[in-house]
Amino acid sequence: MKKLILSILFACMNISLWAANPYDNPDTLFVSRDGSCEFRSIAEAVEVCRAFMDYHKVIFVKKGVYKEKLVIPSWLTHIEICGEDRDNTIITWDDHANIKIAKVGVVPTADNPDPRQTMGTFRTYTVKVDGNYITLKNITIENAAPRKGQAVALHSEGDHLVVINCRILGNQDTIYTGMAGTRLYFRDCYIEGTTDFIFGPSTAWFERCTIKSKINSFVTAASTPKDVKYGYIFNRCKLIAAPEAQKVFLGRPWRPYAYTLFMNCELGGHIVPQGWQNWGNKANEQTARYLEYNNTGEGAKTQERAPWSRQLTKKEAAKITPAEVFRMENNWLPE
């Protein structure tokens, strides 16, 4: 009997705590670094959101610099992080791949006085999105690390990610689309970097984005799996460059079946006539899926394009739409 009473009491306490959660609703949460809002960091606001929400929850972030290494965990859905001002609402961190970090349980010895390991690419993110149906809007995501190795600004592993009117800033490996089969949509974004600064296995559509190369290198490094029909699609985008970047490739295959398409884009004169590179492996020329259609600008000339890339026909290009590429089971894209 005593055990039964205790069980009932604990159950009532849990119900009471759950019911008393003031954030279990679709109301907007507000964040400000100056302390004028309930939350001073974005991470604090993310922490109070209920797992697997079936309603849309906005976290509105006021202007300011938020030095955070932010993770949107896999159990959070339907969250929108919206900045007050794209250029002045900034999430920033500065990890890079060659930073030394301690190995758990390993201590220095006379033979090995520094047992630390390098951080590696995939821990360097400023923002990591593991949840599904997440929206990032009107905000800057920056990896401010010096050019000492790979340094990811945005790392995604969730499905149905939408990024609208954001600046994504970094050097090598700025955006990592890290999970095969996931779908990402970028619109009206500014993205900059040095080498392979858009890379990974996901299916991602970039609409009306400005893509800036900062050095002579490569824009994309897709690793699309063989059994995935579409990888990276850039539509109506503009490719620009810093003055020192005069020889830039559209992409190279991180994995053999990389898929990348540029269509209806404006390609600056920094894009080399060859367009594409095989990553030093001629066998990739037999498998990589590198495509273009109806591009303009000095870098769009096709006479000297890599012969293993292909220009789509008008009929082929007309079939490539977000609905087709994303296999849309519901209307998750913004209007």
C-alpha atoms as a PDB file:
ATOM      1  CA  MET A   1       0.000   0.000   0.000  1.00  0.00           C
ATOM      2  CA  LYS A   2       2.837   2.367   0.930  1.00  0.00           C
ATOM      3  CA  LYS A   3       4.541   1.722  -2.416  1.00  0.00           C
ATOM      4  CA  LEU A   4       1.289   2.412  -4.249  1.00  0.00           C
ATOM      5  CA  ILE A   5       0.801   5.748  -2.468  1.00  0.00           C
ATOM      6  CA  LEU A   6       4.390   6.790  -3.247  1.00  0.00           C
ATOM      7  CA  SER A   7       3.939   5.860  -6.910  1.00  0.00           C
ATOM      8  CA  ILE A   8       0.785   7.957  -7.114  1.00  0.00           C
ATOM      9  CA  LEU A   9       2.537  10.910  -5.450  1.00  0.00           C
ATOM     10  CA  PHE A  10       5.475  10.746  -7.866  1.00  0.00           C
ATOM     11  CA  ALA A  11       3.117  10.479 -10.840  1.00  0.00           C
ATOM     12  CA  CYS A  12       1.169  13.509  -9.651  1.00  0.00           C
ATOM     13  CA  MET A  13       4.392  15.461  -9.165  1.00  0.00           C
ATOM     14  CA  ASN A  14       5.534  14.640 -12.714  1.00  0.00           C
ATOM     15  CA  ILE A  15       2.163  15.618 -14.183  1.00  0.00           C
ATOM     16  CA  SER A  16       2.230  18.840 -12.187  1.00  0.00           C
ATOM     17  CA  LEU A  17       5.746  19.700 -13.331  1.00  0.00           C
ATOM     18  CA  TRP A  18       4.888  18.963 -16.956  1.00  0.00           C
ATOM     19  CA  ALA A  19       1.691  20.996 -16.819  1.00  0.00           C
ATOM     20  CA  ALA A  20       3.486  23.881 -15.140  1.00  0.00           C
ATOM     21  CA  ASN A  21       6.062  24.214 -17.936  1.00  0.00           C
ATOM     22  CA  PRO A  22       5.316  27.741 -19.193  1.00  0.00           C
ATOM     23  CA  TYR A  23       7.127  27.091 -22.498  1.00  0.00           C
ATOM     24  CA  ASP A  24       5.022  24.138 -23.672  1.00  0.00           C
ATOM     25  CA  ASN A  25       3.080  26.226 -26.205  1.00  0.00           C
ATOM     26  CA  PRO A  26       3.606  27.876 -29.607  1.00  0.00           C
ATOM     27  CA  ASP A  27       4.410  31.277 -28.120  1.00  0.00           C
ATOM     28  CA  THR A  28       7.599  33.041 -29.235  1.00  0.00           C
ATOM     29  CA  LEU A  29      10.674  33.015 -26.996  1.00  0.00           C
ATOM     30  CA  PHE A  30      12.883  36.130 -26.939  1.00  0.00           C
ATOM     31  CA  VAL A  31      16.671  36.245 -26.577  1.00  0.00           C
ATOM     32  CA  SER A  32      18.894  39.263 -25.994  1.00  0.00           C
ATOM     33  CA  ARG A  33      22.523  39.532 -24.906  1.00  0.00           C
ATOM     34  CA  ASP A  34      21.838  42.727 -22.941  1.00  0.00           C
ATOM     35  CA  GLY A  35      19.547  40.942 -20.490  1.00  0.00           C
ATOM     36  CA  SER A  36      16.393  42.739 -21.559  1.00  0.00           C
ATOM     37  CA  CYS A  37      14.708  39.423 -22.443  1.00  0.00           C
ATOM     38  CA  GLU A  38      14.120  36.264 -20.470  1.00  0.00           C
ATOM     39  CA  PHE A  39      17.029  34.469 -22.185  1.00  0.00           C
ATOM     40  CA  ARG A  40      20.567  35.784 -22.690  1.00  0.00           C
ATOM     41  CA  SER A  41      21.732  32.937 -24.940  1.00  0.00           C
ATOM     42  CA  ILE A  42      20.104  31.010 -27.761  1.00  0.00           C
ATOM     43  CA  ALA A  43      21.109  27.736 -26.100  1.00  0.00           C
ATOM     44  CA  GLU A  44      19.056  28.643 -23.003  1.00  0.00           C
ATOM     45  CA  ALA A  45      15.959  29.170 -25.142  1.00  0.00           C
ATOM     46  CA  VAL A  46      16.528  25.931 -27.053  1.00  0.00           C
ATOM     47  CA  GLU A  47      16.864  24.057 -23.753  1.00  0.00           C
ATOM     48  CA  VAL A  48      13.329  24.843 -22.577  1.00  0.00           C
ATOM     49  CA  CYS A  49      11.589  23.686 -25.780  1.00  0.00           C
ATOM     50  CA  ARG A  50       9.563  20.501 -25.511  1.00  0.00           C
ATOM     51  CA  ALA A  51      10.765  17.391 -27.323  1.00  0.00           C
ATOM     52  CA  PHE A  52       9.079  16.447 -30.610  1.00  0.00           C
ATOM     53  CA  MET A  53       6.781  19.455 -30.765  1.00  0.00           C
ATOM     54  CA  ASP A  54       3.977  19.266 -33.317  1.00  0.00           C
ATOM     55  CA  TYR A  55       3.582  23.054 -33.402  1.00  0.00           C
ATOM     56  CA  HIS A  56       5.839  25.824 -34.743  1.00  0.00           C
ATOM     57  CA  LYS A  57       7.973  27.523 -32.080  1.00  0.00           C
ATOM     58  CA  VAL A  58       9.912  30.713 -32.845  1.00  0.00           C
ATOM     59  CA  ILE A  59      13.028  31.773 -30.946  1.00  0.00           C
ATOM     60  CA  PHE A  60      13.442  35.463 -31.789  1.00  0.00           C
ATOM     61  CA  VAL A  61      17.020  36.646 -31.330  1.00  0.00           C
ATOM     62  CA  LYS A  62      17.666  40.354 -30.922  1.00  0.00           C
ATOM     63  CA  LYS A  63      20.676  42.081 -32.439  1.00  0.00           C
ATOM     64  CA  GLY A  64      23.986  41.220 -30.818  1.00  0.00           C
ATOM     65  CA  VAL A  65      26.981  38.889 -30.953  1.00  0.00           C
ATOM     66  CA  TYR A  66      26.254  35.470 -29.420  1.00  0.00           C
ATOM     67  CA  LYS A  67      29.467  33.555 -28.773  1.00  0.00           C
ATOM     68  CA  GLU A  68      27.946  30.098 -28.626  1.00  0.00           C
ATOM     69  CA  LYS A  69      28.658  26.605 -29.876  1.00  0.00           C
ATOM     70  CA  LEU A  70      25.005  25.821 -30.476  1.00  0.00           C
ATOM     71  CA  VAL A  71      23.403  22.392 -30.944  1.00  0.00           C
ATOM     72  CA  ILE A  72      19.769  21.837 -31.947  1.00  0.00           C
ATOM     73  CA  PRO A  73      19.338  18.255 -30.674  1.00  0.00           C
ATOM     74  CA  SER A  74      17.613  15.457 -32.555  1.00  0.00           C
ATOM     75  CA  TRP A  75      14.563  15.467 -30.263  1.00  0.00           C
ATOM     76  CA  LEU A  76      13.601  19.025 -31.172  1.00  0.00           C
ATOM     77  CA  THR A  77      11.367  19.685 -34.194  1.00  0.00           C
ATOM     78  CA  HIS A  78       9.517  22.620 -35.752  1.00  0.00           C
ATOM     79  CA  ILE A  79      11.774  25.278 -34.233  1.00  0.00           C
ATOM     80  CA  GLU A  80      12.558  28.530 -36.035  1.00  0.00           C
ATOM     81  CA  ILE A  81      15.526  30.625 -34.924  1.00  0.00           C
ATOM     82  CA  CYS A  82      14.893  34.093 -36.329  1.00  0.00           C
ATOM     83  CA  GLY A  83      17.273  37.022 -36.007  1.00  0.00           C
ATOM     84  CA  GLU A  84      16.178  40.626 -35.630  1.00  0.00           C
ATOM     85  CA  ASP A  85      18.699  41.760 -38.253  1.00  0.00           C
ATOM     86  CA  ARG A  86      20.652  39.398 -40.513  1.00  0.00           C
ATOM     87  CA  ASP A  87      23.943  41.286 -40.466  1.00  0.00           C
ATOM     88  CA  ASN A  88      23.832  42.287 -36.807  1.00  0.00           C
ATOM     89  CA  THR A  89      22.504  39.120 -35.176  1.00  0.00           C
ATOM     90  CA  ILE A  90      25.579  36.910 -35.134  1.00  0.00           C
ATOM     91  CA  ILE A  91      26.260  33.446 -33.733  1.00  0.00           C
ATOM     92  CA  THR A  92      30.028  32.943 -33.669  1.00  0.00           C
ATOM     93  CA  TRP A  93      32.630  30.424 -32.517  1.00  0.00           C
ATOM     94  CA  ASP A  94      36.228  29.777 -33.523  1.00  0.00           C
ATOM     95  CA  ASP A  95      37.159  26.085 -33.411  1.00  0.00           C
ATOM     96  CA  HIS A  96      39.259  24.593 -36.205  1.00  0.00           C
ATOM     97  CA  ALA A  97      40.338  21.048 -37.008  1.00  0.00           C
ATOM     98  CA  ASN A  98      43.921  21.380 -35.780  1.00  0.00           C
ATOM     99  CA  ILE A  99      43.140  22.569 -32.267  1.00  0.00           C
ATOM    100  CA  LYS A 100      44.513  20.110 -29.715  1.00  0.00           C
ATOM    101  CA  ILE A 101      42.008  18.488 -27.363  1.00  0.00           C
ATOM    102  CA  ALA A 102      42.540  15.998 -24.556  1.00  0.00           C
ATOM    103  CA  LYS A 103      41.871  12.290 -25.003  1.00  0.00           C
ATOM    104  CA  VAL A 104      39.496  11.040 -22.322  1.00  0.00           C
ATOM    105  CA  GLY A 105      41.320   8.945 -19.722  1.00  0.00           C
ATOM    106  CA  VAL A 106      44.774   9.495 -21.236  1.00  0.00           C
ATOM    107  CA  VAL A 107      47.384  11.295 -19.135  1.00  0.00           C
ATOM    108  CA  PRO A 108      50.835  12.591 -20.096  1.00  0.00           C
ATOM    109  CA  THR A 109      53.810  10.265 -19.624  1.00  0.00           C
ATOM    110  CA  ALA A 110      57.558  10.589 -20.106  1.00  0.00           C
ATOM    111  CA  ASP A 111      57.263   8.805 -23.453  1.00  0.00           C
ATOM    112  CA  ASN A 112      54.176  10.752 -24.504  1.00  0.00           C
ATOM    113  CA  PRO A 113      54.212  14.147 -22.794  1.00  0.00           C
ATOM    114  CA  ASP A 114      51.424  15.532 -25.022  1.00  0.00           C
ATOM    115  CA  PRO A 115      48.761  12.821 -25.560  1.00  0.00           C
ATOM    116  CA  ARG A 116      46.227  15.245 -26.948  1.00  0.00           C
ATOM    117  CA  GLN A 117      44.573  14.715 -30.326  1.00  0.00           C
ATOM    118  CA  THR A 118      43.493  17.223 -32.938  1.00  0.00           C
ATOM    119  CA  MET A 119      39.838  18.202 -32.911  1.00  0.00           C
ATOM    120  CA  GLY A 120      39.103  17.090 -36.490  1.00  0.00           C
ATOM    121  CA  THR A 121      36.650  18.629 -38.947  1.00  0.00           C
ATOM    122  CA  PHE A 122      33.380  17.350 -37.554  1.00  0.00           C
ATOM    123  CA  ARG A 123      33.663  18.841 -34.072  1.00  0.00           C
ATOM    124  CA  THR A 124      34.454  22.366 -35.261  1.00  0.00           C
ATOM    125  CA  TYR A 125      30.905  23.592 -35.953  1.00  0.00           C
ATOM    126  CA  THR A 126      29.479  26.842 -34.646  1.00  0.00           C
ATOM    127  CA  VAL A 127      25.880  25.624 -35.133  1.00  0.00           C
ATOM    128  CA  LYS A 128      24.920  21.958 -35.449  1.00  0.00           C
ATOM    129  CA  VAL A 129      21.351  21.030 -36.417  1.00  0.00           C
ATOM    130  CA  ASP A 130      20.360  17.455 -35.563  1.00  0.00           C
ATOM    131  CA  GLY A 131      16.603  18.072 -35.315  1.00  0.00           C
ATOM    132  CA  ASN A 132      14.079  17.855 -38.148  1.00  0.00           C
ATOM    133  CA  TYR A 133      11.898  20.671 -39.527  1.00  0.00           C
ATOM    134  CA  ILE A 134      14.248  23.371 -38.252  1.00  0.00           C
ATOM    135  CA  THR A 135      14.307  26.878 -39.770  1.00  0.00           C
ATOM    136  CA  LEU A 136      17.130  29.424 -39.545  1.00  0.00           C
ATOM    137  CA  LYS A 137      16.176  32.914 -40.679  1.00  0.00           C
ATOM    138  CA  ASN A 138      17.688  36.414 -40.795  1.00  0.00           C
ATOM    139  CA  ILE A 139      20.841  35.518 -38.898  1.00  0.00           C
ATOM    140  CA  THR A 140      24.614  35.235 -39.342  1.00  0.00           C
ATOM    141  CA  ILE A 141      26.397  31.989 -38.488  1.00  0.00           C
ATOM    142  CA  GLU A 142      30.150  32.404 -38.383  1.00  0.00           C
ATOM    143  CA  ASN A 143      33.200  30.280 -37.725  1.00  0.00           C
ATOM    144  CA  ALA A 144      35.769  32.950 -36.906  1.00  0.00           C
ATOM    145  CA  ALA A 145      38.763  30.581 -36.684  1.00  0.00           C
ATOM    146  CA  PRO A 146      41.945  31.644 -38.471  1.00  0.00           C
ATOM    147  CA  ARG A 147      42.950  29.745 -41.607  1.00  0.00           C
ATOM    148  CA  LYS A 148      44.613  26.872 -39.792  1.00  0.00           C
ATOM    149  CA  GLY A 149      42.450  24.012 -40.979  1.00  0.00           C
ATOM    150  CA  GLN A 150      38.856  22.964 -41.562  1.00  0.00           C
ATOM    151  CA  ALA A 151      36.387  25.088 -39.616  1.00  0.00           C
ATOM    152  CA  VAL A 152      32.664  24.417 -40.047  1.00  0.00           C
ATOM    153  CA  ALA A 153      30.136  27.185 -39.449  1.00  0.00           C
ATOM    154  CA  LEU A 154      26.898  25.226 -40.092  1.00  0.00           C
ATOM    155  CA  HIS A 155      26.776  21.428 -39.642  1.00  0.00           C
ATOM    156  CA  SER A 156      23.464  19.732 -40.414  1.00  0.00           C
ATOM    157  CA  GLU A 157      22.297  16.177 -39.844  1.00  0.00           C
ATOM    158  CA  GLY A 158      18.544  16.727 -39.544  1.00  0.00           C
ATOM    159  CA  ASP A 159      15.958  16.462 -42.326  1.00  0.00           C
ATOM    160  CA  HIS A 160      13.786  19.297 -43.709  1.00  0.00           C
ATOM    161  CA  LEU A 161      16.177  22.118 -42.793  1.00  0.00           C
ATOM    162  CA  VAL A 162      15.247  25.573 -44.145  1.00  0.00           C
ATOM    163  CA  VAL A 163      17.748  28.447 -44.184  1.00  0.00           C
ATOM    164  CA  ILE A 164      16.359  31.827 -45.273  1.00  0.00           C
ATOM    165  CA  ASN A 165      18.199  35.136 -45.688  1.00  0.00           C
ATOM    166  CA  CYS A 166      21.206  34.078 -43.618  1.00  0.00           C
ATOM    167  CA  ARG A 167      24.913  34.826 -43.851  1.00  0.00           C
ATOM    168  CA  ILE A 168      27.092  31.756 -43.365  1.00  0.00           C
ATOM    169  CA  LEU A 169      30.721  32.751 -42.968  1.00  0.00           C
ATOM    170  CA  GLY A 170      33.934  30.783 -42.713  1.00  0.00           C
ATOM    171  CA  ASN A 171      36.996  29.583 -44.565  1.00  0.00           C
ATOM    172  CA  GLN A 172      37.564  25.903 -45.342  1.00  0.00           C
ATOM    173  CA  ASP A 173      34.434  23.716 -45.008  1.00  0.00           C
ATOM    174  CA  THR A 174      31.944  26.470 -44.125  1.00  0.00           C
ATOM    175  CA  ILE A 175      28.796  24.343 -44.607  1.00  0.00           C
ATOM    176  CA  TYR A 176      28.765  20.605 -43.923  1.00  0.00           C
ATOM    177  CA  THR A 177      25.580  18.840 -45.006  1.00  0.00           C
ATOM    178  CA  GLY A 178      26.409  15.777 -43.015  1.00  0.00           C
ATOM    179  CA  MET A 179      23.742  13.108 -43.416  1.00  0.00           C
ATOM    180  CA  ALA A 180      22.864  11.199 -46.590  1.00  0.00           C
ATOM    181  CA  GLY A 181      19.177  11.297 -47.456  1.00  0.00           C
ATOM    182  CA  THR A 182      18.440  14.522 -45.576  1.00  0.00           C
ATOM    183  CA  ARG A 183      16.931  17.495 -47.403  1.00  0.00           C
ATOM    184  CA  LEU A 184      18.029  21.116 -47.028  1.00  0.00           C
ATOM    185  CA  TYR A 185      16.719  24.292 -48.645  1.00  0.00           C
ATOM    186  CA  PHE A 186      18.707  27.557 -48.696  1.00  0.00           C
ATOM    187  CA  ARG A 187      17.147  30.755 -50.080  1.00  0.00           C
ATOM    188  CA  ASP A 188      18.517  34.299 -50.400  1.00  0.00           C
ATOM    189  CA  CYS A 189      21.625  33.407 -48.388  1.00  0.00           C
ATOM    190  CA  TYR A 190      25.166  34.729 -48.540  1.00  0.00           C
ATOM    191  CA  ILE A 191      27.772  31.972 -48.210  1.00  0.00           C
ATOM    192  CA  GLU A 192      31.533  32.448 -48.264  1.00  0.00           C
ATOM    193  CA  GLY A 193      34.605  30.307 -47.818  1.00  0.00           C
ATOM    194  CA  THR A 194      37.921  29.117 -49.186  1.00  0.00           C
ATOM    195  CA  THR A 195      38.177  25.383 -49.969  1.00  0.00           C
ATOM    196  CA  ASP A 196      35.323  22.858 -50.396  1.00  0.00           C
ATOM    197  CA  PHE A 197      33.184  25.262 -48.421  1.00  0.00           C
ATOM    198  CA  ILE A 198      29.920  23.512 -49.279  1.00  0.00           C
ATOM    199  CA  PHE A 199      30.441  19.787 -48.764  1.00  0.00           C
ATOM    200  CA  GLY A 200      28.765  16.541 -47.733  1.00  0.00           C
ATOM    201  CA  PRO A 201      26.267  13.840 -48.770  1.00  0.00           C
ATOM    202  CA  SER A 202      22.882  15.539 -48.260  1.00  0.00           C
ATOM    203  CA  THR A 203      20.451  16.706 -50.930  1.00  0.00           C
ATOM    204  CA  ALA A 204      20.453  20.515 -50.827  1.00  0.00           C
ATOM    205  CA  TRP A 205      18.773  23.161 -52.976  1.00  0.00           C
ATOM    206  CA  PHE A 206      20.309  26.671 -53.061  1.00  0.00           C
ATOM    207  CA  GLU A 207      17.934  29.318 -54.459  1.00  0.00           C
ATOM    208  CA  ARG A 208      19.025  32.913 -55.217  1.00  0.00           C
ATOM    209  CA  CYS A 209      22.103  32.604 -53.019  1.00  0.00           C
ATOM    210  CA  THR A 210      25.336  34.580 -53.335  1.00  0.00           C
ATOM    211  CA  ILE A 211      28.389  32.315 -53.134  1.00  0.00           C
ATOM    212  CA  LYS A 212      31.758  34.024 -52.539  1.00  0.00           C
ATOM    213  CA  SER A 213      35.137  32.340 -52.992  1.00  0.00           C
ATOM    214  CA  LYS A 214      37.917  33.905 -50.926  1.00  0.00           C
ATOM    215  CA  ILE A 215      40.913  32.125 -52.532  1.00  0.00           C
ATOM    216  CA  ASN A 216      41.786  30.024 -55.580  1.00  0.00           C
ATOM    217  CA  SER A 217      40.201  26.679 -54.722  1.00  0.00           C
ATOM    218  CA  PHE A 218      36.920  24.740 -54.963  1.00  0.00           C
ATOM    219  CA  VAL A 219      33.342  25.797 -54.188  1.00  0.00           C
ATOM    220  CA  THR A 220      31.780  22.369 -53.585  1.00  0.00           C
ATOM    221  CA  ALA A 221      32.864  18.891 -52.524  1.00  0.00           C
ATOM    222  CA  ALA A 222      29.736  16.756 -52.689  1.00  0.00           C
ATOM    223  CA  SER A 223      29.812  13.170 -51.455  1.00  0.00           C
ATOM    224  CA  THR A 224      26.406  12.125 -52.776  1.00  0.00           C
ATOM    225  CA  PRO A 225      25.834   8.366 -52.362  1.00  0.00           C
ATOM    226  CA  LYS A 226      25.475   6.268 -55.510  1.00  0.00           C
ATOM    227  CA  ASP A 227      21.823   5.449 -54.774  1.00  0.00           C
ATOM    228  CA  VAL A 228      20.750   9.068 -54.145  1.00  0.00           C
ATOM    229  CA  LYS A 229      19.401  10.751 -57.272  1.00  0.00           C
ATOM    230  CA  TYR A 230      20.202  14.383 -56.405  1.00  0.00           C
ATOM    231  CA  GLY A 231      22.948  16.115 -54.428  1.00  0.00           C
ATOM    232  CA  TYR A 232      23.604  19.874 -54.648  1.00  0.00           C
ATOM    233  CA  ILE A 233      21.455  22.084 -56.878  1.00  0.00           C
ATOM    234  CA  PHE A 234      22.195  25.779 -57.295  1.00  0.00           C
ATOM    235  CA  ASN A 235      19.411  27.695 -59.037  1.00  0.00           C
ATOM    236  CA  ARG A 236      19.524  31.413 -59.861  1.00  0.00           C
ATOM    237  CA  CYS A 237      22.592  31.850 -57.677  1.00  0.00           C
ATOM    238  CA  LYS A 238      25.432  34.329 -58.149  1.00  0.00           C
ATOM    239  CA  LEU A 239      29.063  33.223 -57.791  1.00  0.00           C
ATOM    240  CA  ILE A 240      31.465  36.013 -56.885  1.00  0.00           C
ATOM    241  CA  ALA A 241      35.029  36.177 -55.588  1.00  0.00           C
ATOM    242  CA  ALA A 242      37.529  38.208 -53.610  1.00  0.00           C
ATOM    243  CA  PRO A 243      40.157  39.939 -55.780  1.00  0.00           C
ATOM    244  CA  GLU A 244      42.775  37.303 -54.917  1.00  0.00           C
ATOM    245  CA  ALA A 245      40.501  34.454 -56.059  1.00  0.00           C
ATOM    246  CA  GLN A 246      40.921  34.208 -59.833  1.00  0.00           C
ATOM    247  CA  LYS A 247      41.006  30.437 -60.462  1.00  0.00           C
ATOM    248  CA  VAL A 248      38.136  28.623 -58.783  1.00  0.00           C
ATOM    249  CA  PHE A 249      36.533  25.288 -59.680  1.00  0.00           C
ATOM    250  CA  LEU A 250      32.799  24.709 -59.325  1.00  0.00           C
ATOM    251  CA  GLY A 251      33.494  21.452 -57.541  1.00  0.00           C
ATOM    252  CA  ARG A 252      35.457  18.284 -57.006  1.00  0.00           C
ATOM    253  CA  PRO A 253      34.070  14.893 -55.896  1.00  0.00           C
ATOM    254  CA  TRP A 254      34.697  14.099 -52.238  1.00  0.00           C
ATOM    255  CA  ARG A 255      33.198  10.708 -53.068  1.00  0.00           C
ATOM    256  CA  PRO A 256      32.921   9.068 -56.516  1.00  0.00           C
ATOM    257  CA  TYR A 257      29.203   9.691 -57.196  1.00  0.00           C
ATOM    258  CA  ALA A 258      29.125  13.372 -56.265  1.00  0.00           C
ATOM    259  CA  TYR A 259      26.136  15.196 -57.788  1.00  0.00           C
ATOM    260  CA  THR A 260      26.250  18.973 -58.341  1.00  0.00           C
ATOM    261  CA  LEU A 261      24.177  21.085 -60.724  1.00  0.00           C
ATOM    262  CA  PHE A 262      24.425  24.808 -61.443  1.00  0.00           C
ATOM    263  CA  MET A 263      21.455  26.119 -63.435  1.00  0.00           C
ATOM    264  CA  ASN A 264      20.308  29.636 -64.296  1.00  0.00           C
ATOM    265  CA  CYS A 265      23.274  30.961 -62.302  1.00  0.00           C
ATOM    266  CA  GLU A 266      25.596  33.897 -62.886  1.00  0.00           C
ATOM    267  CA  LEU A 267      29.173  32.623 -62.826  1.00  0.00           C
ATOM    268  CA  GLY A 268      31.921  35.200 -62.376  1.00  0.00           C
ATOM    269  CA  GLY A 269      35.181  35.252 -64.294  1.00  0.00           C
ATOM    270  CA  HIS A 270      36.974  33.538 -61.410  1.00  0.00           C
ATOM    271  CA  ILE A 271      35.451  30.203 -62.468  1.00  0.00           C
ATOM    272  CA  VAL A 272      38.066  28.352 -64.516  1.00  0.00           C
ATOM    273  CA  PRO A 273      37.147  27.256 -68.079  1.00  0.00           C
ATOM    274  CA  GLN A 274      37.461  23.579 -67.082  1.00  0.00           C
ATOM    275  CA  GLY A 275      34.818  24.114 -64.395  1.00  0.00           C
ATOM    276  CA  TRP A 276      35.281  20.803 -62.591  1.00  0.00           C
ATOM    277  CA  GLN A 277      38.187  18.816 -61.126  1.00  0.00           C
ATOM    278  CA  ASN A 278      38.458  15.078 -60.443  1.00  0.00           C
ATOM    279  CA  TRP A 279      40.226  15.300 -57.040  1.00  0.00           C
ATOM    280  CA  GLY A 280      43.348  13.742 -58.547  1.00  0.00           C
ATOM    281  CA  ASN A 281      41.531  10.496 -59.361  1.00  0.00           C
ATOM    282  CA  LYS A 282      40.691   9.879 -63.016  1.00  0.00           C
ATOM    283  CA  ALA A 283      38.267   7.086 -62.014  1.00  0.00           C
ATOM    284  CA  ASN A 284      35.965   9.784 -60.549  1.00  0.00           C
ATOM    285  CA  GLU A 285      35.365  11.038 -64.083  1.00  0.00           C
ATOM    286  CA  GLN A 286      33.376   7.882 -64.792  1.00  0.00           C
ATOM    287  CA  THR A 287      31.030   8.317 -61.825  1.00  0.00           C
ATOM    288  CA  ALA A 288      30.765  11.971 -60.752  1.00  0.00           C
ATOM    289  CA  ARG A 289      27.545  13.688 -61.847  1.00  0.00           C
ATOM    290  CA  TYR A 290      28.482  17.272 -62.704  1.00  0.00           C
ATOM    291  CA  LEU A 291      25.857  19.246 -64.592  1.00  0.00           C
ATOM    292  CA  GLU A 292      25.085  22.766 -65.811  1.00  0.00           C
ATOM    293  CA  TYR A 293      22.228  24.519 -67.564  1.00  0.00           C
ATOM    294  CA  ASN A 294      21.577  28.027 -68.858  1.00  0.00           C
ATOM    295  CA  ASN A 295      24.266  29.769 -66.824  1.00  0.00           C
ATOM    296  CA  THR A 296      25.495  33.251 -67.691  1.00  0.00           C
ATOM    297  CA  GLY A 297      28.571  35.359 -66.998  1.00  0.00           C
ATOM    298  CA  GLU A 298      32.221  35.144 -67.922  1.00  0.00           C
ATOM    299  CA  GLY A 299      32.672  31.881 -66.010  1.00  0.00           C
ATOM    300  CA  ALA A 300      29.786  30.141 -67.788  1.00  0.00           C
ATOM    301  CA  LYS A 301      31.545  29.545 -71.101  1.00  0.00           C
ATOM    302  CA  THR A 302      31.331  25.853 -71.942  1.00  0.00           C
ATOM    303  CA  GLN A 303      33.852  25.405 -74.757  1.00  0.00           C
ATOM    304  CA  GLU A 304      36.613  24.150 -72.444  1.00  0.00           C
ATOM    305  CA  ARG A 305      34.484  22.445 -69.784  1.00  0.00           C
ATOM    306  CA  ALA A 306      35.675  19.106 -68.417  1.00  0.00           C
ATOM    307  CA  PRO A 307      34.437  16.582 -71.022  1.00  0.00           C
ATOM    308  CA  TRP A 308      33.083  14.312 -68.295  1.00  0.00           C
ATOM    309  CA  SER A 309      30.672  17.027 -67.104  1.00  0.00           C
ATOM    310  CA  ARG A 310      27.406  17.617 -68.957  1.00  0.00           C
ATOM    311  CA  GLN A 311      25.097  20.402 -70.092  1.00  0.00           C
ATOM    312  CA  LEU A 312      21.426  19.591 -69.524  1.00  0.00           C
ATOM    313  CA  THR A 313      18.821  20.066 -72.219  1.00  0.00           C
ATOM    314  CA  LYS A 314      15.878  22.409 -71.655  1.00  0.00           C
ATOM    315  CA  LYS A 315      13.577  19.415 -71.292  1.00  0.00           C
ATOM    316  CA  GLU A 316      15.833  17.774 -68.687  1.00  0.00           C
ATOM    317  CA  ALA A 317      16.214  20.987 -66.684  1.00  0.00           C
ATOM    318  CA  ALA A 318      12.453  21.599 -66.603  1.00  0.00           C
ATOM    319  CA  LYS A 319      11.978  18.377 -64.658  1.00  0.00           C
ATOM    320  CA  ILE A 320      14.318  19.446 -61.867  1.00  0.00           C
ATOM    321  CA  THR A 321      12.132  21.212 -59.309  1.00  0.00           C
ATOM    322  CA  PRO A 322      12.162  21.260 -55.501  1.00  0.00           C
ATOM    323  CA  ALA A 323       9.128  18.956 -55.435  1.00  0.00           C
ATOM    324  CA  GLU A 324      10.947  16.410 -57.607  1.00  0.00           C
ATOM    325  CA  VAL A 325      14.312  16.722 -55.881  1.00  0.00           C
ATOM    326  CA  PHE A 326      12.953  16.545 -52.329  1.00  0.00           C
ATOM    327  CA  ARG A 327      10.351  13.801 -52.965  1.00  0.00           C
ATOM    328  CA  MET A 328       7.956  16.051 -51.080  1.00  0.00           C
ATOM    329  CA  GLU A 329       5.517  14.129 -48.912  1.00  0.00           C
ATOM    330  CA  ASN A 330       4.248  17.395 -47.417  1.00  0.00           C
ATOM    331  CA  ASN A 331       4.618  21.103 -48.128  1.00  0.00           C
ATOM    332  CA  TRP A 332       7.491  21.983 -45.791  1.00  0.00           C
ATOM    333  CA  LEU A 333       9.091  24.658 -47.994  1.00  0.00           C
ATOM    334  CA  PRO A 334       8.367  28.352 -47.273  1.00  0.00           C
ATOM    335  CA  GLU A 335       6.127  30.321 -49.621  1.00  0.00           C
END
